[in-house]
Amino acid sequence: MLFGQYTMYNGIMCKVFDVDKKNKIVKLKSNDNIKFVNRNDVEEIYYINTNCFYKGYEFQVLSEKDDKILIYTNNNEVGAKLKMEFIERSEYQKWIKKNEVESIFEKKAILDL
């Protein structure tokens, strides 16, 4: 499950940890390697998060473990209706089986970095 800033560097998708706009340096992580590269050496930087549809509602997917995913909403009505765990004000989460979701998909937005 993807969550955070990502870019392509030398044909490999890398997680972006930091962008120094002033010096045009990007801190990347690929596998277990951390690398600092020139901003011009990477493609567009995206914010990506994984979402799903479950029981007709859209949720953000926070985590994955074995055959389950952890879904999140800040909708009080939906959280209560689906008997989700109350985390704090307007925040609910619930572990569900992957085969219970209607679809899992990524949302991607280009960042101006």
N, C-alpha and C. Protein backbone atom coordinates (compact mmCIF):
# COMPACT_ATOMS: atom_id res chain seq x y z
N MET A 1 0.83 -1.17 0.00
CA MET A 1 0.00 0.00 0.00
C MET A 1 0.89 1.24 0.00
N LEU A 2 0.64 2.14 -0.91
CA LEU A 2 1.43 3.36 -0.99
C LEU A 2 0.77 4.48 -0.21
N PHE A 3 1.60 5.25 0.47
CA PHE A 3 1.12 6.41 1.22
C PHE A 3 2.28 7.38 1.38
N GLY A 4 2.15 8.55 0.77
CA GLY A 4 3.21 9.55 0.88
C GLY A 4 3.64 10.09 -0.46
N GLN A 5 4.85 10.65 -0.51
CA GLN A 5 5.40 11.25 -1.72
C GLN A 5 6.30 10.24 -2.43
N TYR A 6 6.12 10.16 -3.76
CA TYR A 6 6.89 9.22 -4.57
C TYR A 6 7.29 9.88 -5.88
N THR A 7 8.35 9.33 -6.49
CA THR A 7 8.79 9.77 -7.81
C THR A 7 9.51 8.62 -8.49
N MET A 8 9.78 8.79 -9.77
CA MET A 8 10.56 7.80 -10.52
C MET A 8 11.98 8.34 -10.68
N TYR A 9 12.94 7.47 -10.40
CA TYR A 9 14.36 7.81 -10.55
C TYR A 9 15.04 6.63 -11.22
N ASN A 10 15.61 6.85 -12.40
CA ASN A 10 16.26 5.78 -13.18
C ASN A 10 15.34 4.58 -13.38
N GLY A 11 14.05 4.86 -13.64
CA GLY A 11 13.09 3.80 -13.91
C GLY A 11 12.59 3.06 -12.69
N ILE A 12 12.94 3.52 -11.50
CA ILE A 12 12.53 2.85 -10.26
C ILE A 12 11.68 3.81 -9.43
N MET A 13 10.54 3.32 -8.91
CA MET A 13 9.73 4.15 -8.04
C MET A 13 10.42 4.26 -6.68
N CYS A 14 10.58 5.50 -6.22
CA CYS A 14 11.26 5.76 -4.95
C CYS A 14 10.37 6.61 -4.06
N LYS A 15 10.46 6.38 -2.78
CA LYS A 15 9.77 7.22 -1.80
C LYS A 15 10.59 8.49 -1.60
N VAL A 16 9.92 9.63 -1.61
CA VAL A 16 10.57 10.92 -1.41
C VAL A 16 10.47 11.27 0.08
N PHE A 17 11.63 11.44 0.72
CA PHE A 17 11.65 11.78 2.14
C PHE A 17 11.74 13.27 2.39
N ASP A 18 12.39 13.98 1.49
CA ASP A 18 12.56 15.42 1.70
C ASP A 18 12.90 16.07 0.37
N VAL A 19 12.47 17.31 0.21
CA VAL A 19 12.81 18.10 -0.97
C VAL A 19 13.34 19.44 -0.49
N ASP A 20 14.57 19.74 -0.86
CA ASP A 20 15.18 21.04 -0.56
C ASP A 20 14.97 21.90 -1.80
N LYS A 21 13.90 22.71 -1.77
CA LYS A 21 13.55 23.52 -2.94
C LYS A 21 14.64 24.54 -3.28
N LYS A 22 15.25 25.10 -2.25
CA LYS A 22 16.27 26.13 -2.47
C LYS A 22 17.46 25.57 -3.23
N ASN A 23 17.97 24.41 -2.81
CA ASN A 23 19.14 23.81 -3.44
C ASN A 23 18.79 22.75 -4.49
N LYS A 24 17.50 22.53 -4.68
CA LYS A 24 16.99 21.57 -5.67
C LYS A 24 17.56 20.17 -5.47
N ILE A 25 17.53 19.71 -4.21
CA ILE A 25 18.01 18.38 -3.86
C ILE A 25 16.83 17.56 -3.33
N VAL A 26 16.76 16.30 -3.73
CA VAL A 26 15.69 15.41 -3.30
C VAL A 26 16.31 14.23 -2.56
N LYS A 27 15.75 13.91 -1.39
CA LYS A 27 16.20 12.75 -0.61
C LYS A 27 15.24 11.60 -0.91
N LEU A 28 15.80 10.52 -1.48
CA LEU A 28 15.00 9.38 -1.93
C LEU A 28 15.33 8.12 -1.15
N LYS A 29 14.36 7.20 -1.11
CA LYS A 29 14.62 5.87 -0.56
C LYS A 29 14.09 4.85 -1.54
N SER A 30 14.95 3.91 -1.92
CA SER A 30 14.58 2.80 -2.78
C SER A 30 15.12 1.54 -2.12
N ASN A 31 14.25 0.59 -1.85
CA ASN A 31 14.61 -0.59 -1.06
C ASN A 31 15.16 -0.09 0.28
N ASP A 32 16.39 -0.41 0.61
CA ASP A 32 16.97 0.07 1.87
C ASP A 32 18.02 1.15 1.65
N ASN A 33 18.08 1.68 0.44
CA ASN A 33 19.10 2.68 0.10
C ASN A 33 18.52 4.09 0.15
N ILE A 34 19.25 5.00 0.77
CA ILE A 34 18.87 6.41 0.79
C ILE A 34 19.87 7.17 -0.07
N LYS A 35 19.34 8.06 -0.91
CA LYS A 35 20.19 8.76 -1.86
C LYS A 35 19.72 10.20 -2.00
N PHE A 36 20.67 11.11 -2.16
CA PHE A 36 20.38 12.51 -2.44
C PHE A 36 20.66 12.75 -3.91
N VAL A 37 19.67 13.29 -4.63
CA VAL A 37 19.83 13.52 -6.07
C VAL A 37 19.36 14.92 -6.42
N ASN A 38 19.79 15.39 -7.59
CA ASN A 38 19.36 16.67 -8.10
C ASN A 38 17.89 16.57 -8.50
N ARG A 39 17.12 17.61 -8.23
CA ARG A 39 15.69 17.61 -8.56
C ARG A 39 15.45 17.34 -10.03
N ASN A 40 16.35 17.79 -10.90
CA ASN A 40 16.19 17.58 -12.34
C ASN A 40 16.37 16.12 -12.75
N ASP A 41 16.93 15.29 -11.87
CA ASP A 41 17.18 13.88 -12.20
C ASP A 41 15.99 12.97 -11.90
N VAL A 42 14.94 13.53 -11.30
CA VAL A 42 13.75 12.72 -11.01
C VAL A 42 12.58 13.25 -11.81
N GLU A 43 11.58 12.39 -11.98
CA GLU A 43 10.37 12.81 -12.69
C GLU A 43 9.48 13.61 -11.75
N GLU A 44 8.23 13.79 -12.12
CA GLU A 44 7.30 14.52 -11.26
C GLU A 44 7.18 13.83 -9.91
N ILE A 45 6.95 14.62 -8.89
CA ILE A 45 6.77 14.07 -7.55
C ILE A 45 5.27 14.04 -7.26
N TYR A 46 4.80 12.88 -6.83
CA TYR A 46 3.38 12.67 -6.57
C TYR A 46 3.13 12.41 -5.10
N TYR A 47 1.94 12.79 -4.65
CA TYR A 47 1.44 12.32 -3.36
C TYR A 47 0.49 11.19 -3.69
N ILE A 48 0.76 10.01 -3.17
CA ILE A 48 -0.04 8.83 -3.46
C ILE A 48 -0.60 8.28 -2.16
N ASN A 49 -1.89 7.96 -2.18
CA ASN A 49 -2.46 7.21 -1.07
C ASN A 49 -3.38 6.13 -1.62
N THR A 50 -3.49 5.05 -0.87
CA THR A 50 -4.30 3.91 -1.28
C THR A 50 -5.66 4.02 -0.62
N ASN A 51 -6.70 3.84 -1.41
CA ASN A 51 -8.07 3.90 -0.93
C ASN A 51 -8.80 2.62 -1.31
N CYS A 52 -9.99 2.46 -0.75
CA CYS A 52 -10.82 1.32 -1.12
C CYS A 52 -12.29 1.69 -0.98
N PHE A 53 -13.13 0.89 -1.61
CA PHE A 53 -14.57 0.98 -1.39
C PHE A 53 -14.98 -0.24 -0.58
N TYR A 54 -15.67 0.02 0.52
CA TYR A 54 -16.13 -1.03 1.43
C TYR A 54 -17.56 -0.69 1.84
N LYS A 55 -18.48 -1.60 1.56
CA LYS A 55 -19.90 -1.42 1.90
C LYS A 55 -20.45 -0.12 1.33
N GLY A 56 -19.97 0.25 0.13
CA GLY A 56 -20.47 1.42 -0.56
C GLY A 56 -19.82 2.74 -0.19
N TYR A 57 -18.88 2.72 0.73
CA TYR A 57 -18.20 3.94 1.17
C TYR A 57 -16.73 3.90 0.79
N GLU A 58 -16.17 5.09 0.56
CA GLU A 58 -14.74 5.17 0.25
C GLU A 58 -13.95 5.41 1.53
N PHE A 59 -12.84 4.66 1.68
CA PHE A 59 -11.98 4.76 2.85
C PHE A 59 -10.53 4.88 2.41
N GLN A 60 -9.72 5.48 3.26
CA GLN A 60 -8.28 5.46 3.07
C GLN A 60 -7.75 4.18 3.69
N VAL A 61 -6.80 3.53 3.02
CA VAL A 61 -6.17 2.32 3.54
C VAL A 61 -4.87 2.74 4.22
N LEU A 62 -4.76 2.45 5.52
CA LEU A 62 -3.59 2.87 6.29
C LEU A 62 -2.50 1.82 6.36
N SER A 63 -2.91 0.55 6.37
CA SER A 63 -1.93 -0.51 6.57
C SER A 63 -2.46 -1.82 6.01
N GLU A 64 -1.55 -2.78 5.88
CA GLU A 64 -1.88 -4.09 5.34
C GLU A 64 -1.14 -5.13 6.17
N LYS A 65 -1.84 -6.20 6.52
CA LYS A 65 -1.21 -7.29 7.27
C LYS A 65 -1.89 -8.59 6.87
N ASP A 66 -1.10 -9.49 6.29
CA ASP A 66 -1.61 -10.78 5.82
C ASP A 66 -2.80 -10.56 4.89
N ASP A 67 -3.97 -11.08 5.24
CA ASP A 67 -5.14 -10.96 4.37
C ASP A 67 -6.07 -9.82 4.79
N LYS A 68 -5.55 -8.88 5.59
CA LYS A 68 -6.38 -7.78 6.09
C LYS A 68 -5.78 -6.42 5.75
N ILE A 69 -6.66 -5.42 5.74
CA ILE A 69 -6.23 -4.04 5.58
C ILE A 69 -6.88 -3.21 6.68
N LEU A 70 -6.21 -2.13 7.06
CA LEU A 70 -6.73 -1.20 8.05
C LEU A 70 -7.31 0.00 7.31
N ILE A 71 -8.62 0.21 7.46
CA ILE A 71 -9.27 1.33 6.77
C ILE A 71 -9.55 2.46 7.76
N TYR A 72 -9.67 3.67 7.22
CA TYR A 72 -9.81 4.88 8.04
C TYR A 72 -10.85 5.81 7.44
N THR A 73 -11.60 6.47 8.30
CA THR A 73 -12.50 7.55 7.88
C THR A 73 -12.57 8.61 8.97
N ASN A 74 -12.91 9.83 8.55
CA ASN A 74 -13.18 10.89 9.52
C ASN A 74 -14.65 11.27 9.48
N ASN A 75 -15.47 10.39 8.90
CA ASN A 75 -16.91 10.59 8.81
C ASN A 75 -17.57 9.91 10.01
N ASN A 76 -18.08 10.72 10.95
CA ASN A 76 -18.69 10.18 12.17
C ASN A 76 -19.85 9.22 11.89
N GLU A 77 -20.70 9.59 10.95
CA GLU A 77 -21.87 8.78 10.63
C GLU A 77 -21.46 7.41 10.10
N VAL A 78 -20.52 7.38 9.18
CA VAL A 78 -20.06 6.12 8.60
C VAL A 78 -19.33 5.29 9.65
N GLY A 79 -18.47 5.93 10.43
CA GLY A 79 -17.74 5.22 11.47
C GLY A 79 -18.66 4.52 12.45
N ALA A 80 -19.69 5.22 12.88
CA ALA A 80 -20.65 4.64 13.83
C ALA A 80 -21.49 3.55 13.17
N LYS A 81 -21.95 3.80 11.95
CA LYS A 81 -22.81 2.84 11.24
C LYS A 81 -22.09 1.51 11.03
N LEU A 82 -20.80 1.56 10.70
CA LEU A 82 -20.04 0.33 10.43
C LEU A 82 -19.32 -0.20 11.66
N LYS A 83 -19.63 0.38 12.82
CA LYS A 83 -19.06 -0.07 14.10
C LYS A 83 -17.53 -0.11 14.06
N MET A 84 -16.97 0.98 13.55
CA MET A 84 -15.52 1.10 13.48
C MET A 84 -14.97 1.55 14.83
N GLU A 85 -13.69 1.28 15.06
CA GLU A 85 -13.05 1.67 16.31
C GLU A 85 -12.86 3.19 16.32
N PHE A 86 -13.34 3.84 17.38
CA PHE A 86 -13.18 5.28 17.54
C PHE A 86 -11.77 5.56 18.04
N ILE A 87 -11.00 6.37 17.30
CA ILE A 87 -9.62 6.68 17.66
C ILE A 87 -9.57 7.97 18.47
N GLU A 88 -10.08 9.02 17.90
CA GLU A 88 -10.21 10.31 18.57
C GLU A 88 -11.22 11.11 17.78
N ARG A 89 -11.41 12.33 18.13
CA ARG A 89 -12.43 13.16 17.51
C ARG A 89 -12.47 12.99 15.99
N SER A 90 -13.61 12.49 15.51
CA SER A 90 -13.88 12.31 14.08
C SER A 90 -12.89 11.39 13.37
N GLU A 91 -12.29 10.45 14.07
CA GLU A 91 -11.37 9.50 13.43
C GLU A 91 -11.75 8.08 13.83
N TYR A 92 -11.94 7.25 12.80
CA TYR A 92 -12.35 5.87 13.00
C TYR A 92 -11.48 4.96 12.14
N GLN A 93 -11.23 3.76 12.62
CA GLN A 93 -10.49 2.78 11.83
C GLN A 93 -11.04 1.38 12.11
N LYS A 94 -10.74 0.46 11.18
CA LYS A 94 -11.23 -0.91 11.33
C LYS A 94 -10.38 -1.83 10.46
N TRP A 95 -9.99 -2.99 11.01
CA TRP A 95 -9.33 -4.03 10.24
C TRP A 95 -10.41 -4.85 9.55
N ILE A 96 -10.27 -5.03 8.23
CA ILE A 96 -11.22 -5.85 7.48
C ILE A 96 -10.44 -6.79 6.57
N LYS A 97 -11.09 -7.87 6.14
CA LYS A 97 -10.46 -8.80 5.20
C LYS A 97 -10.45 -8.17 3.81
N LYS A 98 -9.37 -8.40 3.09
CA LYS A 98 -9.22 -7.83 1.75
C LYS A 98 -10.35 -8.28 0.82
N ASN A 99 -10.82 -9.52 1.01
CA ASN A 99 -11.85 -10.02 0.10
C ASN A 99 -13.23 -9.41 0.39
N GLU A 100 -13.34 -8.57 1.42
CA GLU A 100 -14.60 -7.90 1.72
C GLU A 100 -14.74 -6.56 0.99
N VAL A 101 -13.64 -6.05 0.43
CA VAL A 101 -13.71 -4.74 -0.24
C VAL A 101 -14.18 -4.89 -1.68
N GLU A 102 -14.84 -3.85 -2.16
CA GLU A 102 -15.32 -3.85 -3.54
C GLU A 102 -14.18 -3.55 -4.51
N SER A 103 -13.28 -2.64 -4.10
CA SER A 103 -12.11 -2.33 -4.92
C SER A 103 -11.06 -1.63 -4.07
N ILE A 104 -9.81 -1.77 -4.48
CA ILE A 104 -8.68 -1.06 -3.87
C ILE A 104 -7.99 -0.29 -4.99
N PHE A 105 -7.69 0.98 -4.75
CA PHE A 105 -7.11 1.80 -5.81
C PHE A 105 -6.23 2.88 -5.19
N GLU A 106 -5.37 3.46 -6.03
CA GLU A 106 -4.48 4.53 -5.60
C GLU A 106 -4.97 5.86 -6.13
N LYS A 107 -4.87 6.88 -5.29
CA LYS A 107 -5.13 8.25 -5.72
C LYS A 107 -3.78 8.94 -5.81
N LYS A 108 -3.58 9.66 -6.90
CA LYS A 108 -2.28 10.27 -7.16
C LYS A 108 -2.47 11.74 -7.53
N ALA A 109 -1.71 12.62 -6.85
CA ALA A 109 -1.76 14.06 -7.15
C ALA A 109 -0.34 14.56 -7.35
N ILE A 110 -0.13 15.31 -8.42
CA ILE A 110 1.19 15.89 -8.70
C ILE A 110 1.44 17.03 -7.72
N LEU A 111 2.64 17.03 -7.11
CA LEU A 111 3.03 18.08 -6.18
C LEU A 111 3.94 19.09 -6.88
N ASP A 112 3.83 20.32 -6.51
CA ASP A 112 4.66 21.38 -7.08
C ASP A 112 5.92 21.53 -6.24
N LEU A 113 6.83 20.59 -6.40
CA LEU A 113 8.08 20.59 -5.62
C LEU A 113 9.28 20.63 -6.53
